[in-house]
Amino acid sequence: MQPSLAENWWRCTEYVEHGKGKFEQLAVGKSIDVSGMDTRLKTVRVVHRPLSGIFKEGDRLIYAPGGKGKLWACITNSGHRTNEVDIDFPFEALGTSVDKNHLWVFRNDRIACASHEQVFRGKFGKSDWMVYDIPDNICGYTQAATQGWRGLYDLFACDDGTLVAMYFDPRDRRGTDLAEEFWRTIFTMTPKIDVANRKLSIEGTREDDRGNPVKTHGWIECWGHPHSVYTGVHKVFKQPIFCWEAMGALTSALERNTKL
């Protein structure tokens, strides 16, 4: 059974705004101190009906800020909290995201993921993350990972297997006096996860002038240059259309019948 749209939206709404907070809405009874953390790390991520055989009916996975360089996670079911774990980030992270299969973390120039099953089976460490280095040519400049607003600014993992990214884009601000940290471009991409080789990659292809396939970095602009967004918006979301595969199969069947 797929999670409802309400569940998908709600999984990212529990938010700790100030120095200390308690997860009352989730009935977790866990207090945390988030003073000094980047705003993007203060979001509590909730996974409804995780897809793995190790989880039971009614399990919810909760990922929350757990202190410097760590995430705190647990499983809740019928108001009971179990399987509490502390997770080391693979690098100094700026934000997190979740889908039905994976936990994602990111910073300006890197993305990493791990399956929920990996995290909760125990003995999960930094070396177990699958890490992807973002190419320098996404927006035509070299990464500056030390500056918090450059590069990848926000990431959302969708249950259709894609990622949506909000990315700092300096290309459209030339000739203006607008603050460069507010230029954003929205990208979508489809990651490839090779569990056996612990490899996370993002790749794409396009055709050259002769129709030959050419490899690309796989980041597809869906809202950006030459229409970059000058905005104070800091987060991106994407909802999956769960019937899309069925609609595609129906279209293919109709096309085949038309040719008969």
C-alpha atoms as a PDB file:
ATOM      1  CA  MET A   1       0.000   0.000   0.000  1.00  0.00           C
ATOM      2  CA  GLN A   2       1.340   3.418  -0.953  1.00  0.00           C
ATOM      3  CA  PRO A   3       1.337   6.261   1.605  1.00  0.00           C
ATOM      4  CA  SER A   4      -1.358   8.855   1.137  1.00  0.00           C
ATOM      5  CA  LEU A   5      -0.571  12.317  -0.171  1.00  0.00           C
ATOM      6  CA  ALA A   6      -1.223  13.711   3.292  1.00  0.00           C
ATOM      7  CA  GLU A   7       1.340  11.317   4.785  1.00  0.00           C
ATOM      8  CA  ASN A   8       3.907  12.261   2.169  1.00  0.00           C
ATOM      9  CA  TRP A   9       3.528  15.965   2.861  1.00  0.00           C
ATOM     10  CA  TRP A  10       3.343  15.546   6.615  1.00  0.00           C
ATOM     11  CA  ARG A  11       6.549  13.552   6.839  1.00  0.00           C
ATOM     12  CA  CYS A  12       8.567  16.749   6.480  1.00  0.00           C
ATOM     13  CA  THR A  13       6.520  19.205   8.507  1.00  0.00           C
ATOM     14  CA  GLU A  14       7.745  18.510  12.023  1.00  0.00           C
ATOM     15  CA  TYR A  15      10.202  21.334  12.480  1.00  0.00           C
ATOM     16  CA  VAL A  16      12.279  22.535  15.427  1.00  0.00           C
ATOM     17  CA  GLU A  17      12.619  26.280  14.991  1.00  0.00           C
ATOM     18  CA  HIS A  18      14.450  27.432  18.103  1.00  0.00           C
ATOM     19  CA  GLY A  19      17.228  26.259  20.384  1.00  0.00           C
ATOM     20  CA  LYS A  20      15.367  23.335  21.946  1.00  0.00           C
ATOM     21  CA  GLY A  21      12.318  21.363  20.946  1.00  0.00           C
ATOM     22  CA  LYS A  22      10.304  18.271  21.743  1.00  0.00           C
ATOM     23  CA  PHE A  23       8.542  16.048  19.212  1.00  0.00           C
ATOM     24  CA  GLU A  24       5.039  16.366  20.623  1.00  0.00           C
ATOM     25  CA  GLN A  25       3.202  15.909  17.316  1.00  0.00           C
ATOM     26  CA  LEU A  26       4.960  12.616  16.659  1.00  0.00           C
ATOM     27  CA  ALA A  27       4.359  11.393  20.231  1.00  0.00           C
ATOM     28  CA  VAL A  28       8.028  10.492  20.499  1.00  0.00           C
ATOM     29  CA  GLY A  29       8.786  12.232  23.783  1.00  0.00           C
ATOM     30  CA  LYS A  30      12.311  13.111  22.680  1.00  0.00           C
ATOM     31  CA  SER A  31      13.898  16.466  23.494  1.00  0.00           C
ATOM     32  CA  ILE A  32      16.745  17.805  21.385  1.00  0.00           C
ATOM     33  CA  ASP A  33      19.040  20.811  21.410  1.00  0.00           C
ATOM     34  CA  VAL A  34      19.443  22.321  17.938  1.00  0.00           C
ATOM     35  CA  SER A  35      21.121  25.592  18.892  1.00  0.00           C
ATOM     36  CA  GLY A  36      23.763  26.590  16.374  1.00  0.00           C
ATOM     37  CA  MET A  37      22.559  24.138  13.698  1.00  0.00           C
ATOM     38  CA  ASP A  38      21.922  25.087  10.097  1.00  0.00           C
ATOM     39  CA  THR A  39      18.192  25.621   9.521  1.00  0.00           C
ATOM     40  CA  ARG A  40      18.104  22.807   6.961  1.00  0.00           C
ATOM     41  CA  LEU A  41      19.221  20.279   9.583  1.00  0.00           C
ATOM     42  CA  LYS A  42      16.402  21.113  11.998  1.00  0.00           C
ATOM     43  CA  THR A  43      13.721  19.322   9.984  1.00  0.00           C
ATOM     44  CA  VAL A  44      12.498  16.012  11.378  1.00  0.00           C
ATOM     45  CA  ARG A  45      11.988  13.398   8.649  1.00  0.00           C
ATOM     46  CA  VAL A  46       9.247  10.751   8.957  1.00  0.00           C
ATOM     47  CA  VAL A  47       8.885   7.634   6.787  1.00  0.00           C
ATOM     48  CA  HIS A  48       5.461   5.991   6.743  1.00  0.00           C
ATOM     49  CA  ARG A  49       5.267   2.310   5.751  1.00  0.00           C
ATOM     50  CA  PRO A  50       8.959   1.822   4.913  1.00  0.00           C
ATOM     51  CA  LEU A  51       9.565  -0.771   2.201  1.00  0.00           C
ATOM     52  CA  SER A  52      11.696  -3.471   3.791  1.00  0.00           C
ATOM     53  CA  GLY A  53      11.077  -6.872   5.296  1.00  0.00           C
ATOM     54  CA  ILE A  54      12.694  -5.911   8.593  1.00  0.00           C
ATOM     55  CA  PHE A  55       9.915  -3.415   9.403  1.00  0.00           C
ATOM     56  CA  LYS A  56       6.469  -4.357  10.715  1.00  0.00           C
ATOM     57  CA  GLU A  57       3.009  -3.108   9.805  1.00  0.00           C
ATOM     58  CA  GLY A  58       2.461   0.277  11.439  1.00  0.00           C
ATOM     59  CA  ASP A  59       6.173   1.122  11.800  1.00  0.00           C
ATOM     60  CA  ARG A  60       7.229   4.717  11.251  1.00  0.00           C
ATOM     61  CA  LEU A  61      10.854   5.767  10.941  1.00  0.00           C
ATOM     62  CA  ILE A  62      11.891   9.072  12.450  1.00  0.00           C
ATOM     63  CA  TYR A  63      15.135  10.872  11.677  1.00  0.00           C
ATOM     64  CA  ALA A  64      15.984  13.963  13.695  1.00  0.00           C
ATOM     65  CA  PRO A  65      18.978  16.198  14.424  1.00  0.00           C
ATOM     66  CA  GLY A  66      21.058  14.484  17.058  1.00  0.00           C
ATOM     67  CA  GLY A  67      23.917  16.835  17.806  1.00  0.00           C
ATOM     68  CA  LYS A  68      27.067  17.853  15.996  1.00  0.00           C
ATOM     69  CA  GLY A  69      27.787  15.565  13.074  1.00  0.00           C
ATOM     70  CA  LYS A  70      25.017  13.093  13.902  1.00  0.00           C
ATOM     71  CA  LEU A  71      21.413  12.118  13.258  1.00  0.00           C
ATOM     72  CA  TRP A  72      19.204  10.464  15.857  1.00  0.00           C
ATOM     73  CA  ALA A  73      16.728   7.865  14.566  1.00  0.00           C
ATOM     74  CA  CYS A  74      14.106   5.530  15.951  1.00  0.00           C
ATOM     75  CA  ILE A  75      11.160   3.325  14.990  1.00  0.00           C
ATOM     76  CA  THR A  76       7.741   4.111  16.432  1.00  0.00           C
ATOM     77  CA  ASN A  77       4.673   1.882  16.424  1.00  0.00           C
ATOM     78  CA  SER A  78       1.443   2.484  18.340  1.00  0.00           C
ATOM     79  CA  GLY A  79       3.105   5.137  20.454  1.00  0.00           C
ATOM     80  CA  HIS A  80       6.103   2.978  21.424  1.00  0.00           C
ATOM     81  CA  ARG A  81       9.652   4.041  20.588  1.00  0.00           C
ATOM     82  CA  THR A  82      12.234   1.360  19.760  1.00  0.00           C
ATOM     83  CA  ASN A  83      15.502   0.782  17.905  1.00  0.00           C
ATOM     84  CA  GLU A  84      17.084   4.121  18.762  1.00  0.00           C
ATOM     85  CA  VAL A  85      20.320   4.717  16.864  1.00  0.00           C
ATOM     86  CA  ASP A  86      22.835   7.513  16.416  1.00  0.00           C
ATOM     87  CA  ILE A  87      24.006   7.954  12.822  1.00  0.00           C
ATOM     88  CA  ASP A  88      27.313   9.554  11.847  1.00  0.00           C
ATOM     89  CA  PHE A  89      27.164  11.815   8.813  1.00  0.00           C
ATOM     90  CA  PRO A  90      29.585  10.862   6.017  1.00  0.00           C
ATOM     91  CA  PHE A  91      30.639  14.526   5.834  1.00  0.00           C
ATOM     92  CA  GLU A  92      29.644  17.859   7.361  1.00  0.00           C
ATOM     93  CA  ALA A  93      26.025  17.869   6.177  1.00  0.00           C
ATOM     94  CA  LEU A  94      23.729  20.819   5.539  1.00  0.00           C
ATOM     95  CA  GLY A  95      20.431  18.939   5.225  1.00  0.00           C
ATOM     96  CA  THR A  96      18.579  15.630   5.017  1.00  0.00           C
ATOM     97  CA  SER A  97      15.757  14.026   3.066  1.00  0.00           C
ATOM     98  CA  VAL A  98      13.979  10.655   2.967  1.00  0.00           C
ATOM     99  CA  ASP A  99      12.004   8.502   0.561  1.00  0.00           C
ATOM    100  CA  LYS A 100      10.359   5.122   1.136  1.00  0.00           C
ATOM    101  CA  ASN A 101      13.672   3.298   0.625  1.00  0.00           C
ATOM    102  CA  HIS A 102      16.529   5.615   1.564  1.00  0.00           C
ATOM    103  CA  LEU A 103      17.869   8.263   3.901  1.00  0.00           C
ATOM    104  CA  TRP A 104      19.663  11.097   2.090  1.00  0.00           C
ATOM    105  CA  VAL A 105      22.088  13.752   3.339  1.00  0.00           C
ATOM    106  CA  PHE A 106      23.739  16.545   1.405  1.00  0.00           C
ATOM    107  CA  ARG A 107      26.042  19.525   1.477  1.00  0.00           C
ATOM    108  CA  ASN A 108      26.977  22.109  -1.174  1.00  0.00           C
ATOM    109  CA  ASP A 109      29.031  19.723  -3.307  1.00  0.00           C
ATOM    110  CA  ARG A 110      28.053  16.201  -2.205  1.00  0.00           C
ATOM    111  CA  ILE A 111      25.065  13.875  -1.819  1.00  0.00           C
ATOM    112  CA  ALA A 112      25.014  10.600   0.101  1.00  0.00           C
ATOM    113  CA  CYS A 113      22.407   7.920   0.756  1.00  0.00           C
ATOM    114  CA  ALA A 114      21.840   4.734   2.732  1.00  0.00           C
ATOM    115  CA  SER A 115      18.879   2.376   2.880  1.00  0.00           C
ATOM    116  CA  HIS A 116      16.634   2.424   5.948  1.00  0.00           C
ATOM    117  CA  GLU A 117      17.381  -1.267   6.375  1.00  0.00           C
ATOM    118  CA  GLN A 118      21.116  -0.543   6.531  1.00  0.00           C
ATOM    119  CA  VAL A 119      20.602   2.117   9.172  1.00  0.00           C
ATOM    120  CA  PHE A 120      18.449   0.011  11.493  1.00  0.00           C
ATOM    121  CA  ARG A 121      20.227  -3.336  11.124  1.00  0.00           C
ATOM    122  CA  GLY A 122      23.010  -2.013  13.331  1.00  0.00           C
ATOM    123  CA  LYS A 123      26.744  -1.367  12.984  1.00  0.00           C
ATOM    124  CA  PHE A 124      26.158   1.382  10.450  1.00  0.00           C
ATOM    125  CA  GLY A 125      29.134   3.706  10.075  1.00  0.00           C
ATOM    126  CA  LYS A 126      30.538   6.456   7.890  1.00  0.00           C
ATOM    127  CA  SER A 127      32.029   3.986   5.415  1.00  0.00           C
ATOM    128  CA  ASP A 128      28.589   2.462   4.730  1.00  0.00           C
ATOM    129  CA  TRP A 129      27.240   5.605   3.044  1.00  0.00           C
ATOM    130  CA  MET A 130      27.165   5.790  -0.761  1.00  0.00           C
ATOM    131  CA  VAL A 131      28.573   9.192  -1.714  1.00  0.00           C
ATOM    132  CA  TYR A 132      28.226  11.172  -4.955  1.00  0.00           C
ATOM    133  CA  ASP A 133      30.384  14.211  -5.748  1.00  0.00           C
ATOM    134  CA  ILE A 134      28.468  16.890  -7.646  1.00  0.00           C
ATOM    135  CA  PRO A 135      30.264  17.901 -10.874  1.00  0.00           C
ATOM    136  CA  ASP A 136      31.744  21.381 -11.026  1.00  0.00           C
ATOM    137  CA  ASN A 137      29.900  22.260 -14.226  1.00  0.00           C
ATOM    138  CA  ILE A 138      26.290  22.082 -12.991  1.00  0.00           C
ATOM    139  CA  CYS A 139      25.917  25.855 -13.088  1.00  0.00           C
ATOM    140  CA  GLY A 140      29.172  26.757 -14.775  1.00  0.00           C
ATOM    141  CA  TYR A 141      31.398  27.495 -11.790  1.00  0.00           C
ATOM    142  CA  THR A 142      33.686  25.652  -9.384  1.00  0.00           C
ATOM    143  CA  GLN A 143      32.125  24.577  -6.093  1.00  0.00           C
ATOM    144  CA  ALA A 144      32.777  26.697  -3.018  1.00  0.00           C
ATOM    145  CA  ALA A 145      31.808  24.265  -0.274  1.00  0.00           C
ATOM    146  CA  THR A 146      32.889  26.604   2.497  1.00  0.00           C
ATOM    147  CA  GLN A 147      30.130  29.092   1.659  1.00  0.00           C
ATOM    148  CA  GLY A 148      26.755  27.878   2.900  1.00  0.00           C
ATOM    149  CA  TRP A 149      24.632  29.390   0.135  1.00  0.00           C
ATOM    150  CA  ARG A 150      26.713  28.231  -2.854  1.00  0.00           C
ATOM    151  CA  GLY A 151      26.126  24.999  -4.733  1.00  0.00           C
ATOM    152  CA  LEU A 152      23.354  22.623  -3.693  1.00  0.00           C
ATOM    153  CA  TYR A 153      21.026  24.424  -1.321  1.00  0.00           C
ATOM    154  CA  ASP A 154      18.158  21.965  -0.789  1.00  0.00           C
ATOM    155  CA  LEU A 155      17.336  18.403  -1.823  1.00  0.00           C
ATOM    156  CA  PHE A 156      14.075  16.445  -1.812  1.00  0.00           C
ATOM    157  CA  ALA A 157      13.913  12.686  -2.401  1.00  0.00           C
ATOM    158  CA  CYS A 158      10.660  11.668  -4.103  1.00  0.00           C
ATOM    159  CA  ASP A 159       9.052   8.231  -3.825  1.00  0.00           C
ATOM    160  CA  ASP A 160       9.109   7.892  -7.623  1.00  0.00           C
ATOM    161  CA  GLY A 161      12.872   7.384  -7.466  1.00  0.00           C
ATOM    162  CA  THR A 162      13.899  10.899  -8.478  1.00  0.00           C
ATOM    163  CA  LEU A 163      15.590  13.766  -6.661  1.00  0.00           C
ATOM    164  CA  VAL A 164      14.711  17.454  -6.854  1.00  0.00           C
ATOM    165  CA  ALA A 165      17.393  20.008  -6.077  1.00  0.00           C
ATOM    166  CA  MET A 166      17.467  23.731  -5.418  1.00  0.00           C
ATOM    167  CA  TYR A 167      20.802  25.027  -6.586  1.00  0.00           C
ATOM    168  CA  PHE A 168      22.583  28.332  -6.316  1.00  0.00           C
ATOM    169  CA  ASP A 169      22.912  29.759  -9.850  1.00  0.00           C
ATOM    170  CA  PRO A 170      25.017  32.893 -10.470  1.00  0.00           C
ATOM    171  CA  ARG A 171      24.436  33.046 -14.229  1.00  0.00           C
ATOM    172  CA  ASP A 172      21.479  35.435 -14.397  1.00  0.00           C
ATOM    173  CA  ARG A 173      22.616  38.042 -11.914  1.00  0.00           C
ATOM    174  CA  ARG A 174      25.195  39.677 -14.206  1.00  0.00           C
ATOM    175  CA  GLY A 175      24.391  43.327 -14.773  1.00  0.00           C
ATOM    176  CA  THR A 176      22.215  43.496 -11.651  1.00  0.00           C
ATOM    177  CA  ASP A 177      22.806  44.701  -8.122  1.00  0.00           C
ATOM    178  CA  LEU A 178      20.716  41.892  -6.600  1.00  0.00           C
ATOM    179  CA  ALA A 179      22.241  39.787  -3.835  1.00  0.00           C
ATOM    180  CA  GLU A 180      23.733  36.707  -5.486  1.00  0.00           C
ATOM    181  CA  GLU A 181      22.786  34.299  -2.686  1.00  0.00           C
ATOM    182  CA  PHE A 182      19.107  34.492  -3.707  1.00  0.00           C
ATOM    183  CA  TRP A 183      19.480  33.194  -7.276  1.00  0.00           C
ATOM    184  CA  ARG A 184      18.123  29.633  -7.483  1.00  0.00           C
ATOM    185  CA  THR A 185      17.716  27.033 -10.211  1.00  0.00           C
ATOM    186  CA  ILE A 186      15.580  23.893  -9.771  1.00  0.00           C
ATOM    187  CA  PHE A 187      16.910  20.582 -11.088  1.00  0.00           C
ATOM    188  CA  THR A 188      15.535  17.055 -11.238  1.00  0.00           C
ATOM    189  CA  MET A 189      17.616  13.905 -11.652  1.00  0.00           C
ATOM    190  CA  THR A 190      17.336  10.130 -11.386  1.00  0.00           C
ATOM    191  CA  PRO A 191      20.046   8.568  -9.198  1.00  0.00           C
ATOM    192  CA  LYS A 192      21.439   5.082  -9.804  1.00  0.00           C
ATOM    193  CA  ILE A 193      22.112   3.117  -6.631  1.00  0.00           C
ATOM    194  CA  ASP A 194      24.464   0.132  -6.876  1.00  0.00           C
ATOM    195  CA  VAL A 195      24.271  -1.503  -3.458  1.00  0.00           C
ATOM    196  CA  ALA A 196      26.691  -4.323  -4.300  1.00  0.00           C
ATOM    197  CA  ASN A 197      29.477  -1.894  -5.205  1.00  0.00           C
ATOM    198  CA  ARG A 198      28.352   0.837  -2.794  1.00  0.00           C
ATOM    199  CA  LYS A 199      28.098   3.344  -5.603  1.00  0.00           C
ATOM    200  CA  LEU A 200      25.729   6.285  -6.016  1.00  0.00           C
ATOM    201  CA  SER A 201      25.769   7.951  -9.428  1.00  0.00           C
ATOM    202  CA  ILE A 202      23.743  10.387 -11.520  1.00  0.00           C
ATOM    203  CA  GLU A 203      24.119  10.187 -15.298  1.00  0.00           C
ATOM    204  CA  GLY A 204      22.195  11.142 -18.409  1.00  0.00           C
ATOM    205  CA  THR A 205      22.453  11.178 -22.186  1.00  0.00           C
ATOM    206  CA  ARG A 206      21.594  13.523 -25.031  1.00  0.00           C
ATOM    207  CA  GLU A 207      21.938  13.349 -28.784  1.00  0.00           C
ATOM    208  CA  ASP A 208      24.547  15.338 -30.675  1.00  0.00           C
ATOM    209  CA  ASP A 209      23.935  16.958 -34.072  1.00  0.00           C
ATOM    210  CA  ARG A 210      24.370  13.582 -35.763  1.00  0.00           C
ATOM    211  CA  GLY A 211      22.008  11.732 -33.474  1.00  0.00           C
ATOM    212  CA  ASN A 212      24.740   9.983 -31.528  1.00  0.00           C
ATOM    213  CA  PRO A 213      24.306   9.550 -27.762  1.00  0.00           C
ATOM    214  CA  VAL A 214      26.485  11.774 -25.593  1.00  0.00           C
ATOM    215  CA  LYS A 215      26.879  11.297 -21.843  1.00  0.00           C
ATOM    216  CA  THR A 216      25.799  14.156 -19.578  1.00  0.00           C
ATOM    217  CA  HIS A 217      25.851  14.816 -15.838  1.00  0.00           C
ATOM    218  CA  GLY A 218      22.133  13.930 -15.669  1.00  0.00           C
ATOM    219  CA  TRP A 219      20.967  17.140 -13.936  1.00  0.00           C
ATOM    220  CA  ILE A 220      17.894  18.399 -15.813  1.00  0.00           C
ATOM    221  CA  GLU A 221      16.831  22.017 -15.345  1.00  0.00           C
ATOM    222  CA  CYS A 222      13.094  22.194 -14.752  1.00  0.00           C
ATOM    223  CA  TRP A 223      13.032  25.797 -13.542  1.00  0.00           C
ATOM    224  CA  GLY A 224      16.118  27.841 -14.044  1.00  0.00           C
ATOM    225  CA  HIS A 225      18.469  29.489 -16.508  1.00  0.00           C
ATOM    226  CA  PRO A 226      17.576  31.569 -18.428  1.00  0.00           C
ATOM    227  CA  HIS A 227      14.725  32.011 -15.942  1.00  0.00           C
ATOM    228  CA  SER A 228      16.519  31.622 -12.617  1.00  0.00           C
ATOM    229  CA  VAL A 229      14.451  32.373  -9.570  1.00  0.00           C
ATOM    230  CA  TYR A 230      15.347  35.404  -7.493  1.00  0.00           C
ATOM    231  CA  THR A 231      13.651  34.397  -4.296  1.00  0.00           C
ATOM    232  CA  GLY A 232      13.936  33.864  -0.580  1.00  0.00           C
ATOM    233  CA  VAL A 233      12.466  30.347  -0.925  1.00  0.00           C
ATOM    234  CA  HIS A 234      14.682  27.763   0.756  1.00  0.00           C
ATOM    235  CA  LYS A 235      12.969  24.372   0.252  1.00  0.00           C
ATOM    236  CA  VAL A 236      11.742  22.210  -2.633  1.00  0.00           C
ATOM    237  CA  PHE A 237       9.119  19.428  -2.632  1.00  0.00           C
ATOM    238  CA  LYS A 238       7.862  16.966  -5.219  1.00  0.00           C
ATOM    239  CA  GLN A 239       4.891  14.612  -5.045  1.00  0.00           C
ATOM    240  CA  PRO A 240       4.912  11.314  -6.957  1.00  0.00           C
ATOM    241  CA  ILE A 241       2.052  10.309  -9.234  1.00  0.00           C
ATOM    242  CA  PHE A 242       1.653   6.708  -8.120  1.00  0.00           C
ATOM    243  CA  CYS A 243      -0.534   5.701 -11.074  1.00  0.00           C
ATOM    244  CA  TRP A 244       1.981   7.011 -13.630  1.00  0.00           C
ATOM    245  CA  GLU A 245       3.344   3.543 -14.505  1.00  0.00           C
ATOM    246  CA  ALA A 246      -0.174   2.208 -15.048  1.00  0.00           C
ATOM    247  CA  MET A 247      -0.992   5.181 -17.272  1.00  0.00           C
ATOM    248  CA  GLY A 248       2.186   4.619 -19.259  1.00  0.00           C
ATOM    249  CA  ALA A 249       1.392   0.931 -19.713  1.00  0.00           C
ATOM    250  CA  LEU A 250      -2.113   1.823 -20.927  1.00  0.00           C
ATOM    251  CA  THR A 251      -0.707   4.302 -23.438  1.00  0.00           C
ATOM    252  CA  SER A 252       1.734   1.679 -24.756  1.00  0.00           C
ATOM    253  CA  ALA A 253      -1.074  -0.885 -25.086  1.00  0.00           C
ATOM    254  CA  LEU A 254      -3.239   1.569 -27.025  1.00  0.00           C
ATOM    255  CA  GLU A 255      -0.347   2.418 -29.349  1.00  0.00           C
ATOM    256  CA  ARG A 256       0.287  -1.283 -30.054  1.00  0.00           C
ATOM    257  CA  ASN A 257      -3.414  -1.903 -30.776  1.00  0.00           C
ATOM    258  CA  THR A 258      -3.516   1.087 -33.119  1.00  0.00           C
ATOM    259  CA  LYS A 259      -0.737  -0.451 -35.230  1.00  0.00           C
ATOM    260  CA  LEU A 260      -2.563  -3.790 -35.592  1.00  0.00           C
END
